[in-house]
Amino acid sequence: MARYTDASCRLCRREGTKLYLKGDRCYSEKCAFSRKGYPPGAHGHGRQKVSEYGLQLREKQKARRIYGVLERQFKRYFVEADRRKGITGEILLQILESRLDNIVYRMGFARSRNDARQLIRHGHYTVNGNKINIPSYLTKPGDIIAVREKSRNRPFFKELAEWGAAQGTVDWLEVDRDNMSGKILNVPSREELDIPISEHLIVELYSR
């Protein structure tokens, strides 16, 4: 399976904002973006005039990198969002948010989406009682996501439960920390999503 294997902190610096790709490290003084907030490379310090196309492209790249999605898969999500009735940009974000790796992260069962993808591939989570090891699995309202019973007693997941409790939960998810499970209550509206993305620029990019 293809995936990005280079330094994650370079992505934050390239997009000019924190993407929170490395969990707790992003909140610490070790964060590379906090120390070096300019783009990577020899010309990172230089001022660059960005065209309208460049702004649209950067917004699409930012969304891809936040959710850990490769180019071809992201295009498929856009085509699906454009096919559905409603606001294309908002529907695109809703599809991305419904990915299992994102739901696991949102529920506090992983410290980052990258961690969530690895843990899902190792078979530590279930959806409606069935083990799912596909990070891109699209969930829906009413689905119950849980840490597998065999994994709950491991020290790692006990520490994770305490960490998740301290992070809080978004309004469109219901989480039972004691049983390490959660339920998707509804499809989130744009106002319920705290993602720093101007999705209309992505729509404009693909509408060229």
N, C-alpha and C. Protein backbone atom coordinates (compact mmCIF):
# COMPACT_ATOMS: atom_id res chain seq x y z
N MET A 1 0.84 -1.19 0.00
CA MET A 1 0.00 0.00 0.00
C MET A 1 0.88 1.25 0.00
N ALA A 2 0.64 2.17 -0.95
CA ALA A 2 1.42 3.39 -1.03
C ALA A 2 1.10 4.32 0.13
N ARG A 3 2.13 4.98 0.64
CA ARG A 3 1.93 5.94 1.71
C ARG A 3 3.11 6.89 1.77
N TYR A 4 2.92 8.02 2.41
CA TYR A 4 3.99 9.02 2.56
C TYR A 4 4.95 8.55 3.64
N THR A 5 6.24 8.55 3.34
CA THR A 5 7.22 8.04 4.30
C THR A 5 8.28 9.07 4.67
N ASP A 6 8.20 10.29 4.13
CA ASP A 6 9.18 11.32 4.46
C ASP A 6 8.82 11.98 5.79
N ALA A 7 9.58 12.98 6.21
CA ALA A 7 9.36 13.65 7.49
C ALA A 7 8.02 14.39 7.50
N SER A 8 7.19 14.11 8.50
CA SER A 8 5.86 14.73 8.58
C SER A 8 5.96 16.22 8.83
N CYS A 9 6.95 16.65 9.61
CA CYS A 9 7.06 18.07 9.97
C CYS A 9 7.31 18.95 8.75
N ARG A 10 7.90 18.40 7.72
CA ARG A 10 8.12 19.16 6.48
C ARG A 10 6.79 19.56 5.85
N LEU A 11 5.78 18.73 6.01
CA LEU A 11 4.47 19.01 5.43
C LEU A 11 3.84 20.23 6.10
N CYS A 12 3.95 20.32 7.42
CA CYS A 12 3.41 21.47 8.15
C CYS A 12 4.12 22.75 7.70
N ARG A 13 5.43 22.67 7.59
CA ARG A 13 6.20 23.85 7.17
C ARG A 13 5.85 24.25 5.74
N ARG A 14 5.63 23.27 4.89
CA ARG A 14 5.30 23.58 3.49
C ARG A 14 3.93 24.25 3.39
N GLU A 15 2.98 23.82 4.20
CA GLU A 15 1.63 24.39 4.14
C GLU A 15 1.48 25.65 4.98
N GLY A 16 2.49 25.97 5.79
CA GLY A 16 2.46 27.19 6.57
C GLY A 16 1.52 27.16 7.75
N THR A 17 1.18 25.97 8.23
CA THR A 17 0.30 25.83 9.39
C THR A 17 0.50 24.47 10.03
N LYS A 18 0.16 24.36 11.29
CA LYS A 18 0.27 23.07 11.96
C LYS A 18 -0.84 22.14 11.47
N LEU A 19 -0.44 20.94 11.05
CA LEU A 19 -1.39 19.94 10.59
C LEU A 19 -1.63 18.87 11.65
N TYR A 20 -0.88 18.92 12.75
CA TYR A 20 -1.02 17.99 13.87
C TYR A 20 -0.92 16.54 13.41
N LEU A 21 0.17 16.24 12.74
CA LEU A 21 0.39 14.91 12.18
C LEU A 21 1.13 13.98 13.13
N LYS A 22 1.72 14.53 14.20
CA LYS A 22 2.56 13.71 15.08
C LYS A 22 2.07 13.71 16.53
N GLY A 23 0.78 13.93 16.72
CA GLY A 23 0.21 13.80 18.06
C GLY A 23 0.77 14.79 19.06
N ASP A 24 1.20 14.30 20.22
CA ASP A 24 1.65 15.15 21.32
C ASP A 24 2.84 16.02 20.95
N ARG A 25 3.69 15.55 20.06
CA ARG A 25 4.87 16.32 19.67
C ARG A 25 4.48 17.68 19.10
N CYS A 26 3.34 17.74 18.42
CA CYS A 26 2.89 18.98 17.79
C CYS A 26 2.54 20.05 18.82
N TYR A 27 2.25 19.62 20.06
CA TYR A 27 1.89 20.56 21.11
C TYR A 27 3.09 20.93 21.98
N SER A 28 4.24 20.32 21.72
CA SER A 28 5.42 20.55 22.54
C SER A 28 6.38 21.52 21.86
N GLU A 29 7.42 21.90 22.59
CA GLU A 29 8.43 22.80 22.04
C GLU A 29 9.32 22.11 21.02
N LYS A 30 9.17 20.80 20.87
CA LYS A 30 9.93 20.06 19.86
C LYS A 30 9.33 20.21 18.47
N CYS A 31 8.14 20.79 18.39
CA CYS A 31 7.46 20.93 17.09
C CYS A 31 8.34 21.72 16.12
N ALA A 32 8.63 21.13 14.97
CA ALA A 32 9.50 21.77 13.98
C ALA A 32 8.88 23.04 13.41
N PHE A 33 7.56 23.07 13.30
CA PHE A 33 6.90 24.26 12.74
C PHE A 33 7.03 25.44 13.69
N SER A 34 6.99 25.18 15.01
CA SER A 34 7.15 26.25 15.99
C SER A 34 8.57 26.82 15.95
N ARG A 35 9.54 25.94 15.67
CA ARG A 35 10.94 26.38 15.64
C ARG A 35 11.34 26.96 14.29
N LYS A 36 10.78 26.39 13.23
CA LYS A 36 11.13 26.83 11.87
C LYS A 36 9.84 26.94 11.07
N GLY A 37 9.18 28.09 11.19
CA GLY A 37 7.87 28.25 10.57
C GLY A 37 7.89 28.63 9.11
N TYR A 38 9.03 28.53 8.46
CA TYR A 38 9.14 28.85 7.04
C TYR A 38 9.19 27.56 6.23
N PRO A 39 8.88 27.62 4.93
CA PRO A 39 8.88 26.42 4.09
C PRO A 39 10.24 25.76 4.05
N PRO A 40 10.31 24.44 3.88
CA PRO A 40 11.60 23.74 3.80
C PRO A 40 12.31 24.04 2.48
N GLY A 41 13.59 23.76 2.45
CA GLY A 41 14.35 23.94 1.21
C GLY A 41 15.18 25.20 1.21
N ALA A 42 16.04 25.32 0.21
CA ALA A 42 16.99 26.43 0.12
C ALA A 42 16.32 27.78 -0.04
N HIS A 43 15.11 27.79 -0.62
CA HIS A 43 14.43 29.05 -0.89
C HIS A 43 13.27 29.28 0.09
N GLY A 44 13.28 28.59 1.19
CA GLY A 44 12.17 28.69 2.14
C GLY A 44 12.00 30.07 2.74
N HIS A 45 13.13 30.80 2.93
CA HIS A 45 13.06 32.13 3.54
C HIS A 45 12.60 33.20 2.56
N GLY A 46 12.67 32.92 1.28
CA GLY A 46 12.33 33.94 0.28
C GLY A 46 10.83 34.21 0.19
N ARG A 47 10.48 35.41 -0.18
CA ARG A 47 9.07 35.75 -0.38
C ARG A 47 8.64 35.28 -1.76
N GLN A 48 7.55 34.57 -1.82
CA GLN A 48 7.08 34.03 -3.09
C GLN A 48 5.65 34.51 -3.36
N LYS A 49 5.45 35.05 -4.54
CA LYS A 49 4.13 35.49 -4.93
C LYS A 49 3.32 34.26 -5.36
N VAL A 50 2.18 34.05 -4.74
CA VAL A 50 1.37 32.86 -5.02
C VAL A 50 0.20 33.23 -5.92
N SER A 51 0.05 32.50 -7.01
CA SER A 51 -1.04 32.74 -7.95
C SER A 51 -2.35 32.18 -7.40
N GLU A 52 -3.45 32.47 -8.09
CA GLU A 52 -4.75 31.93 -7.69
C GLU A 52 -4.73 30.41 -7.75
N TYR A 53 -4.13 29.87 -8.80
CA TYR A 53 -4.01 28.42 -8.92
C TYR A 53 -3.17 27.86 -7.77
N GLY A 54 -2.10 28.58 -7.42
CA GLY A 54 -1.24 28.13 -6.33
C GLY A 54 -1.99 28.06 -5.01
N LEU A 55 -2.84 29.03 -4.74
CA LEU A 55 -3.64 29.02 -3.51
C LEU A 55 -4.58 27.82 -3.48
N GLN A 56 -5.21 27.55 -4.63
CA GLN A 56 -6.13 26.41 -4.71
C GLN A 56 -5.39 25.10 -4.52
N LEU A 57 -4.22 24.99 -5.15
CA LEU A 57 -3.43 23.77 -5.04
C LEU A 57 -2.97 23.54 -3.61
N ARG A 58 -2.50 24.60 -2.95
CA ARG A 58 -2.03 24.46 -1.57
C ARG A 58 -3.17 24.03 -0.64
N GLU A 59 -4.37 24.51 -0.89
CA GLU A 59 -5.50 24.14 -0.04
C GLU A 59 -5.84 22.67 -0.22
N LYS A 60 -5.77 22.20 -1.47
CA LYS A 60 -6.01 20.78 -1.72
C LYS A 60 -4.94 19.92 -1.07
N GLN A 61 -3.68 20.33 -1.19
CA GLN A 61 -2.58 19.59 -0.58
C GLN A 61 -2.71 19.58 0.95
N LYS A 62 -3.13 20.70 1.52
CA LYS A 62 -3.31 20.76 2.96
C LYS A 62 -4.36 19.74 3.42
N ALA A 63 -5.49 19.68 2.70
CA ALA A 63 -6.55 18.73 3.06
C ALA A 63 -6.05 17.29 2.93
N ARG A 64 -5.34 17.00 1.85
CA ARG A 64 -4.79 15.66 1.65
C ARG A 64 -3.88 15.25 2.79
N ARG A 65 -3.04 16.18 3.21
CA ARG A 65 -2.04 15.86 4.23
C ARG A 65 -2.64 15.76 5.61
N ILE A 66 -3.64 16.57 5.91
CA ILE A 66 -4.30 16.47 7.21
C ILE A 66 -4.92 15.08 7.38
N TYR A 67 -5.60 14.61 6.33
CA TYR A 67 -6.30 13.33 6.42
C TYR A 67 -5.44 12.15 5.97
N GLY A 68 -4.24 12.40 5.47
CA GLY A 68 -3.36 11.31 5.06
C GLY A 68 -3.85 10.55 3.85
N VAL A 69 -4.35 11.30 2.85
CA VAL A 69 -4.93 10.67 1.66
C VAL A 69 -4.04 10.95 0.45
N LEU A 70 -3.82 9.94 -0.37
CA LEU A 70 -3.03 10.12 -1.58
C LEU A 70 -3.87 10.74 -2.69
N GLU A 71 -3.20 11.20 -3.74
CA GLU A 71 -3.84 12.01 -4.77
C GLU A 71 -5.03 11.31 -5.45
N ARG A 72 -4.83 10.08 -5.89
CA ARG A 72 -5.88 9.38 -6.62
C ARG A 72 -7.11 9.14 -5.75
N GLN A 73 -6.88 8.79 -4.51
CA GLN A 73 -7.99 8.54 -3.60
C GLN A 73 -8.74 9.84 -3.29
N PHE A 74 -7.99 10.94 -3.13
CA PHE A 74 -8.63 12.23 -2.86
C PHE A 74 -9.52 12.63 -4.03
N LYS A 75 -9.04 12.39 -5.24
CA LYS A 75 -9.84 12.72 -6.44
C LYS A 75 -11.13 11.90 -6.45
N ARG A 76 -11.05 10.64 -6.06
CA ARG A 76 -12.26 9.81 -6.00
C ARG A 76 -13.26 10.37 -4.99
N TYR A 77 -12.75 10.83 -3.86
CA TYR A 77 -13.64 11.42 -2.86
C TYR A 77 -14.32 12.67 -3.41
N PHE A 78 -13.57 13.47 -4.17
CA PHE A 78 -14.16 14.69 -4.75
C PHE A 78 -15.24 14.33 -5.77
N VAL A 79 -14.98 13.36 -6.61
CA VAL A 79 -15.96 12.94 -7.61
C VAL A 79 -17.24 12.47 -6.91
N GLU A 80 -17.10 11.71 -5.82
CA GLU A 80 -18.26 11.25 -5.07
C GLU A 80 -19.01 12.42 -4.43
N ALA A 81 -18.26 13.38 -3.88
CA ALA A 81 -18.89 14.56 -3.27
C ALA A 81 -19.63 15.39 -4.31
N ASP A 82 -19.05 15.51 -5.50
CA ASP A 82 -19.68 16.28 -6.57
C ASP A 82 -20.94 15.60 -7.09
N ARG A 83 -20.97 14.27 -6.99
CA ARG A 83 -22.14 13.51 -7.45
C ARG A 83 -23.33 13.66 -6.52
N ARG A 84 -23.07 13.83 -5.23
CA ARG A 84 -24.15 13.93 -4.25
C ARG A 84 -24.80 15.31 -4.27
N LYS A 85 -26.04 15.36 -3.81
CA LYS A 85 -26.75 16.64 -3.71
C LYS A 85 -26.26 17.40 -2.48
N GLY A 86 -26.08 18.70 -2.65
CA GLY A 86 -25.63 19.52 -1.54
C GLY A 86 -24.42 20.35 -1.92
N ILE A 87 -23.77 20.93 -0.93
CA ILE A 87 -22.58 21.76 -1.15
C ILE A 87 -21.37 20.84 -1.28
N THR A 88 -20.76 20.83 -2.45
CA THR A 88 -19.70 19.88 -2.76
C THR A 88 -18.55 19.92 -1.76
N GLY A 89 -18.07 21.12 -1.43
CA GLY A 89 -16.95 21.24 -0.51
C GLY A 89 -17.25 20.68 0.86
N GLU A 90 -18.43 20.97 1.37
CA GLU A 90 -18.82 20.47 2.69
C GLU A 90 -18.97 18.96 2.67
N ILE A 91 -19.55 18.42 1.61
CA ILE A 91 -19.73 16.97 1.49
C ILE A 91 -18.37 16.28 1.41
N LEU A 92 -17.42 16.91 0.72
CA LEU A 92 -16.06 16.35 0.63
C LEU A 92 -15.45 16.20 2.01
N LEU A 93 -15.57 17.24 2.84
CA LEU A 93 -15.03 17.17 4.20
C LEU A 93 -15.75 16.11 5.02
N GLN A 94 -17.05 15.97 4.82
CA GLN A 94 -17.82 14.96 5.56
C GLN A 94 -17.37 13.55 5.18
N ILE A 95 -17.06 13.33 3.91
CA ILE A 95 -16.56 12.03 3.48
C ILE A 95 -15.21 11.75 4.13
N LEU A 96 -14.33 12.74 4.12
CA LEU A 96 -13.01 12.58 4.74
C LEU A 96 -13.13 12.31 6.24
N GLU A 97 -14.06 13.00 6.88
CA GLU A 97 -14.26 12.82 8.32
C GLU A 97 -14.82 11.45 8.65
N SER A 98 -15.50 10.82 7.70
CA SER A 98 -16.12 9.52 7.96
C SER A 98 -15.15 8.35 7.83
N ARG A 99 -13.92 8.63 7.38
CA ARG A 99 -12.91 7.56 7.32
C ARG A 99 -12.68 6.99 8.71
N LEU A 100 -12.46 5.69 8.79
CA LEU A 100 -12.29 5.04 10.09
C LEU A 100 -11.09 5.58 10.84
N ASP A 101 -9.98 5.85 10.15
CA ASP A 101 -8.80 6.36 10.86
C ASP A 101 -9.09 7.72 11.50
N ASN A 102 -9.88 8.55 10.81
CA ASN A 102 -10.24 9.85 11.39
C ASN A 102 -11.17 9.70 12.58
N ILE A 103 -12.14 8.77 12.49
CA ILE A 103 -13.08 8.55 13.58
C ILE A 103 -12.35 8.04 14.82
N VAL A 104 -11.43 7.11 14.63
CA VAL A 104 -10.63 6.59 15.76
C VAL A 104 -9.86 7.72 16.42
N TYR A 105 -9.28 8.61 15.61
CA TYR A 105 -8.54 9.76 16.15
C TYR A 105 -9.48 10.72 16.86
N ARG A 106 -10.62 11.02 16.26
CA ARG A 106 -11.58 11.96 16.84
C ARG A 106 -12.12 11.45 18.17
N MET A 107 -12.25 10.14 18.30
CA MET A 107 -12.77 9.57 19.55
C MET A 107 -11.70 9.51 20.64
N GLY A 108 -10.46 9.82 20.29
CA GLY A 108 -9.39 9.78 21.27
C GLY A 108 -8.81 8.41 21.48
N PHE A 109 -9.01 7.51 20.51
CA PHE A 109 -8.46 6.17 20.59
C PHE A 109 -7.11 6.07 19.89
N ALA A 110 -6.58 7.18 19.42
CA ALA A 110 -5.25 7.27 18.83
C ALA A 110 -4.81 8.72 18.94
N ARG A 111 -3.50 8.93 19.09
CA ARG A 111 -2.98 10.29 19.30
C ARG A 111 -2.89 11.12 18.02
N SER A 112 -2.94 10.47 16.88
CA SER A 112 -2.91 11.17 15.60
C SER A 112 -3.56 10.28 14.56
N ARG A 113 -3.86 10.84 13.41
CA ARG A 113 -4.44 10.02 12.34
C ARG A 113 -3.42 9.01 11.83
N ASN A 114 -2.15 9.38 11.84
CA ASN A 114 -1.11 8.43 11.44
C ASN A 114 -1.08 7.23 12.38
N ASP A 115 -1.14 7.50 13.68
CA ASP A 115 -1.17 6.41 14.66
C ASP A 115 -2.41 5.55 14.46
N ALA A 116 -3.54 6.21 14.19
CA ALA A 116 -4.80 5.49 14.00
C ALA A 116 -4.69 4.52 12.82
N ARG A 117 -4.07 4.97 11.72
CA ARG A 117 -3.92 4.10 10.56
C ARG A 117 -3.10 2.86 10.90
N GLN A 118 -2.03 3.04 11.62
CA GLN A 118 -1.18 1.90 11.97
C GLN A 118 -1.91 0.93 12.88
N LEU A 119 -2.61 1.45 13.89
CA LEU A 119 -3.32 0.60 14.84
C LEU A 119 -4.48 -0.13 14.17
N ILE A 120 -5.14 0.53 13.22
CA ILE A 120 -6.23 -0.13 12.50
C ILE A 120 -5.69 -1.28 11.65
N ARG A 121 -4.58 -1.06 10.98
CA ARG A 121 -3.98 -2.11 10.15
C ARG A 121 -3.57 -3.32 11.00
N HIS A 122 -3.25 -3.08 12.26
CA HIS A 122 -2.88 -4.17 13.16
C HIS A 122 -4.09 -4.84 13.79
N GLY A 123 -5.28 -4.38 13.42
CA GLY A 123 -6.50 -5.07 13.83
C GLY A 123 -6.97 -4.80 15.25
N HIS A 124 -6.73 -3.60 15.78
CA HIS A 124 -7.08 -3.31 17.17
C HIS A 124 -8.49 -2.73 17.34
N TYR A 125 -9.23 -2.51 16.24
CA TYR A 125 -10.54 -1.86 16.35
C TYR A 125 -11.62 -2.66 15.63
N THR A 126 -12.83 -2.46 16.10
CA THR A 126 -13.99 -3.10 15.46
C THR A 126 -15.02 -2.04 15.08
N VAL A 127 -15.81 -2.36 14.08
CA VAL A 127 -16.95 -1.52 13.68
C VAL A 127 -18.18 -2.41 13.74
N ASN A 128 -19.09 -2.07 14.63
CA ASN A 128 -20.31 -2.87 14.85
C ASN A 128 -19.97 -4.33 15.18
N GLY A 129 -18.89 -4.51 15.94
CA GLY A 129 -18.49 -5.84 16.39
C GLY A 129 -17.62 -6.60 15.43
N ASN A 130 -17.37 -6.07 14.24
CA ASN A 130 -16.55 -6.75 13.24
C ASN A 130 -15.17 -6.08 13.14
N LYS A 131 -14.11 -6.90 13.16
CA LYS A 131 -12.77 -6.34 13.05
C LYS A 131 -12.58 -5.76 11.66
N ILE A 132 -12.14 -4.51 11.62
CA ILE A 132 -11.87 -3.83 10.36
C ILE A 132 -10.42 -3.35 10.38
N ASN A 133 -9.64 -3.74 9.36
CA ASN A 133 -8.24 -3.32 9.31
C ASN A 133 -7.95 -2.45 8.09
N ILE A 134 -8.98 -1.72 7.65
CA ILE A 134 -8.85 -0.83 6.49
C ILE A 134 -9.05 0.61 6.97
N PRO A 135 -7.98 1.41 7.05
CA PRO A 135 -8.10 2.78 7.55
C PRO A 135 -9.08 3.65 6.77
N SER A 136 -9.22 3.40 5.46
CA SER A 136 -10.09 4.22 4.61
C SER A 136 -11.56 3.78 4.65
N TYR A 137 -11.87 2.78 5.45
CA TYR A 137 -13.26 2.30 5.58
C TYR A 137 -14.16 3.48 5.94
N LEU A 138 -15.24 3.67 5.18
CA LEU A 138 -16.14 4.80 5.42
C LEU A 138 -17.26 4.40 6.38
N THR A 139 -17.30 5.07 7.50
CA THR A 139 -18.32 4.80 8.51
C THR A 139 -19.57 5.63 8.22
N LYS A 140 -20.62 5.39 9.00
CA LYS A 140 -21.86 6.14 8.83
C LYS A 140 -22.52 6.33 10.19
N PRO A 141 -23.48 7.26 10.29
CA PRO A 141 -24.17 7.48 11.57
C PRO A 141 -24.79 6.19 12.09
N GLY A 142 -24.63 5.96 13.38
CA GLY A 142 -25.15 4.74 14.00
C GLY A 142 -24.09 3.68 14.20
N ASP A 143 -22.98 3.78 13.48
CA ASP A 143 -21.90 2.80 13.63
C ASP A 143 -21.26 2.92 15.01
N ILE A 144 -20.89 1.78 15.57
CA ILE A 144 -20.21 1.73 16.87
C ILE A 144 -18.77 1.27 16.65
N ILE A 145 -17.84 2.12 17.02
CA ILE A 145 -16.42 1.82 16.87
C ILE A 145 -15.85 1.53 18.25
N ALA A 146 -15.07 0.46 18.38
CA ALA A 146 -14.54 0.08 19.70
C ALA A 146 -13.14 -0.51 19.57
N VAL A 147 -12.39 -0.39 20.65
CA VAL A 147 -11.12 -1.09 20.75
C VAL A 147 -11.43 -2.56 20.99
N ARG A 148 -10.77 -3.45 20.27
CA ARG A 148 -11.03 -4.88 20.44
C ARG A 148 -10.83 -5.30 21.89
N GLU A 149 -11.65 -6.23 22.33
CA GLU A 149 -11.61 -6.67 23.73
C GLU A 149 -10.24 -7.20 24.12
N LYS A 150 -9.56 -7.88 23.18
CA LYS A 150 -8.24 -8.44 23.48
C LYS A 150 -7.19 -7.34 23.67
N SER A 151 -7.46 -6.16 23.12
CA SER A 151 -6.48 -5.07 23.18
C SER A 151 -6.69 -4.15 24.38
N ARG A 152 -7.89 -4.18 24.96
CA ARG A 152 -8.23 -3.18 25.99
C ARG A 152 -7.38 -3.27 27.24
N ASN A 153 -6.92 -4.44 27.59
CA ASN A 153 -6.17 -4.60 28.83
C ASN A 153 -4.68 -4.30 28.68
N ARG A 154 -4.24 -3.98 27.49
CA ARG A 154 -2.84 -3.65 27.28
C ARG A 154 -2.54 -2.27 27.89
N PRO A 155 -1.39 -2.11 28.53
CA PRO A 155 -1.03 -0.82 29.13
C PRO A 155 -1.11 0.34 28.14
N PHE A 156 -0.74 0.09 26.88
CA PHE A 156 -0.77 1.14 25.87
C PHE A 156 -2.16 1.73 25.72
N PHE A 157 -3.17 0.86 25.64
CA PHE A 157 -4.53 1.34 25.44
C PHE A 157 -5.13 1.93 26.71
N LYS A 158 -4.67 1.47 27.87
CA LYS A 158 -5.12 2.09 29.11
C LYS A 158 -4.61 3.52 29.22
N GLU A 159 -3.36 3.73 28.83
CA GLU A 159 -2.79 5.08 28.81
C GLU A 159 -3.51 5.94 27.77
N LEU A 160 -3.84 5.31 26.65
CA LEU A 160 -4.53 6.02 25.57
C LEU A 160 -5.91 6.47 26.02
N ALA A 161 -6.58 5.64 26.82
CA ALA A 161 -7.91 6.00 27.32
C ALA A 161 -7.84 7.23 28.21
N GLU A 162 -6.82 7.32 29.03
CA GLU A 162 -6.63 8.49 29.89
C GLU A 162 -6.31 9.73 29.06
N TRP A 163 -5.48 9.55 28.04
CA TRP A 163 -5.14 10.66 27.15
C TRP A 163 -6.38 11.16 26.41
N GLY A 164 -7.19 10.23 25.91
CA GLY A 164 -8.39 10.60 25.16
C GLY A 164 -9.40 11.34 26.03
N ALA A 165 -9.52 10.94 27.29
CA ALA A 165 -10.45 11.60 28.21
C ALA A 165 -10.06 13.06 28.41
N ALA A 166 -8.75 13.32 28.42
CA ALA A 166 -8.27 14.69 28.62
C ALA A 166 -8.49 15.56 27.38
N GLN A 167 -8.61 14.93 26.21
CA GLN A 167 -8.77 15.68 24.96
C GLN A 167 -10.20 16.15 24.73
N GLY A 168 -11.17 15.42 25.31
CA GLY A 168 -12.57 15.77 25.06
C GLY A 168 -13.09 15.11 23.78
N THR A 169 -14.36 15.33 23.49
CA THR A 169 -15.01 14.68 22.34
C THR A 169 -15.83 15.70 21.56
N VAL A 170 -15.84 15.58 20.25
CA VAL A 170 -16.66 16.46 19.41
C VAL A 170 -18.14 16.11 19.59
N ASP A 171 -19.01 17.07 19.28
CA ASP A 171 -20.44 16.91 19.57
C ASP A 171 -21.13 15.81 18.76
N TRP A 172 -20.60 15.48 17.59
CA TRP A 172 -21.29 14.52 16.74
C TRP A 172 -20.86 13.07 17.00
N LEU A 173 -20.03 12.90 18.04
CA LEU A 173 -19.63 11.55 18.45
C LEU A 173 -19.97 11.35 19.92
N GLU A 174 -20.29 10.11 20.28
CA GLU A 174 -20.57 9.75 21.67
C GLU A 174 -19.55 8.68 22.07
N VAL A 175 -18.80 8.93 23.14
CA VAL A 175 -17.71 8.03 23.52
C VAL A 175 -17.91 7.50 24.92
N ASP A 176 -17.76 6.18 25.07
CA ASP A 176 -17.80 5.51 26.37
C ASP A 176 -16.36 5.13 26.71
N ARG A 177 -15.72 5.95 27.56
CA ARG A 177 -14.31 5.72 27.88
C ARG A 177 -14.10 4.42 28.64
N ASP A 178 -15.03 4.07 29.51
CA ASP A 178 -14.87 2.86 30.33
C ASP A 178 -14.80 1.61 29.46
N ASN A 179 -15.63 1.56 28.41
CA ASN A 179 -15.67 0.39 27.54
C ASN A 179 -14.86 0.60 26.25
N MET A 180 -14.19 1.74 26.17
CA MET A 180 -13.37 2.06 25.00
C MET A 180 -14.14 1.87 23.70
N SER A 181 -15.30 2.47 23.65
CA SER A 181 -16.13 2.39 22.45
C SER A 181 -16.80 3.74 22.20
N GLY A 182 -17.31 3.91 21.03
CA GLY A 182 -17.98 5.16 20.69
C GLY A 182 -18.97 4.97 19.56
N LYS A 183 -19.89 5.91 19.45
CA LYS A 183 -20.94 5.83 18.43
C LYS A 183 -20.98 7.12 17.63
N ILE A 184 -21.18 7.00 16.32
CA ILE A 184 -21.33 8.16 15.46
C ILE A 184 -22.79 8.60 15.51
N LEU A 185 -23.04 9.79 16.01
CA LEU A 185 -24.41 10.26 16.20
C LEU A 185 -25.01 10.83 14.92
N ASN A 186 -24.22 11.56 14.17
CA ASN A 186 -24.73 12.18 12.95
C ASN A 186 -23.58 12.61 12.05
N VAL A 187 -23.94 12.97 10.82
CA VAL A 187 -22.95 13.52 9.90
C VAL A 187 -22.67 14.95 10.35
N PRO A 188 -21.41 15.31 10.59
CA PRO A 188 -21.13 16.66 11.10
C PRO A 188 -21.42 17.75 10.08
N SER A 189 -21.94 18.87 10.56
CA SER A 189 -22.12 20.04 9.69
C SER A 189 -20.78 20.76 9.58
N ARG A 190 -20.69 21.69 8.66
CA ARG A 190 -19.42 22.43 8.50
C ARG A 190 -19.06 23.18 9.77
N GLU A 191 -20.06 23.68 10.48
CA GLU A 191 -19.80 24.43 11.71
C GLU A 191 -19.21 23.55 12.81
N GLU A 192 -19.43 22.25 12.73
CA GLU A 192 -18.93 21.33 13.74
C GLU A 192 -17.52 20.84 13.45
N LEU A 193 -16.97 21.21 12.30
CA LEU A 193 -15.64 20.75 11.91
C LEU A 193 -14.63 21.87 12.12
N ASP A 194 -13.57 21.56 12.87
CA ASP A 194 -12.56 22.55 13.20
C ASP A 194 -11.36 22.48 12.27
N ILE A 195 -11.56 22.01 11.05
CA ILE A 195 -10.47 21.85 10.09
C ILE A 195 -10.18 23.19 9.39
N PRO A 196 -8.93 23.67 9.45
CA PRO A 196 -8.58 24.96 8.84
C PRO A 196 -8.42 24.87 7.33
N ILE A 197 -9.51 24.55 6.64
CA ILE A 197 -9.47 24.36 5.20
C ILE A 197 -10.55 25.23 4.54
N SER A 198 -10.17 25.92 3.47
CA SER A 198 -11.14 26.66 2.66
C SER A 198 -11.55 25.74 1.51
N GLU A 199 -12.57 24.95 1.76
CA GLU A 199 -12.92 23.89 0.80
C GLU A 199 -13.38 24.43 -0.54
N HIS A 200 -13.87 25.67 -0.58
CA HIS A 200 -14.32 26.23 -1.86
C HIS A 200 -13.15 26.37 -2.84
N LEU A 201 -11.93 26.54 -2.31
CA LEU A 201 -10.77 26.63 -3.20
C LEU A 201 -10.48 25.28 -3.85
N ILE A 202 -10.75 24.19 -3.12
CA ILE A 202 -10.55 22.85 -3.69
C ILE A 202 -11.56 22.61 -4.81
N VAL A 203 -12.80 23.04 -4.58
CA VAL A 203 -13.84 22.89 -5.61
C VAL A 203 -13.46 23.69 -6.85
N GLU A 204 -12.95 24.90 -6.64
CA GLU A 204 -12.54 25.73 -7.78
C GLU A 204 -11.38 25.08 -8.54
N LEU A 205 -10.47 24.45 -7.80
CA LEU A 205 -9.34 23.78 -8.46
C LEU A 205 -9.80 22.67 -9.37
N TYR A 206 -10.69 21.81 -8.89
CA TYR A 206 -11.16 20.69 -9.70
C TYR A 206 -12.17 21.11 -10.77
N SER A 207 -12.67 22.35 -10.66
CA SER A 207 -13.65 22.83 -11.65
C SER A 207 -12.96 23.52 -12.83
N ARG A 208 -11.65 23.62 -12.81
CA ARG A 208 -10.91 24.26 -13.90
C ARG A 208 -11.07 23.50 -15.21
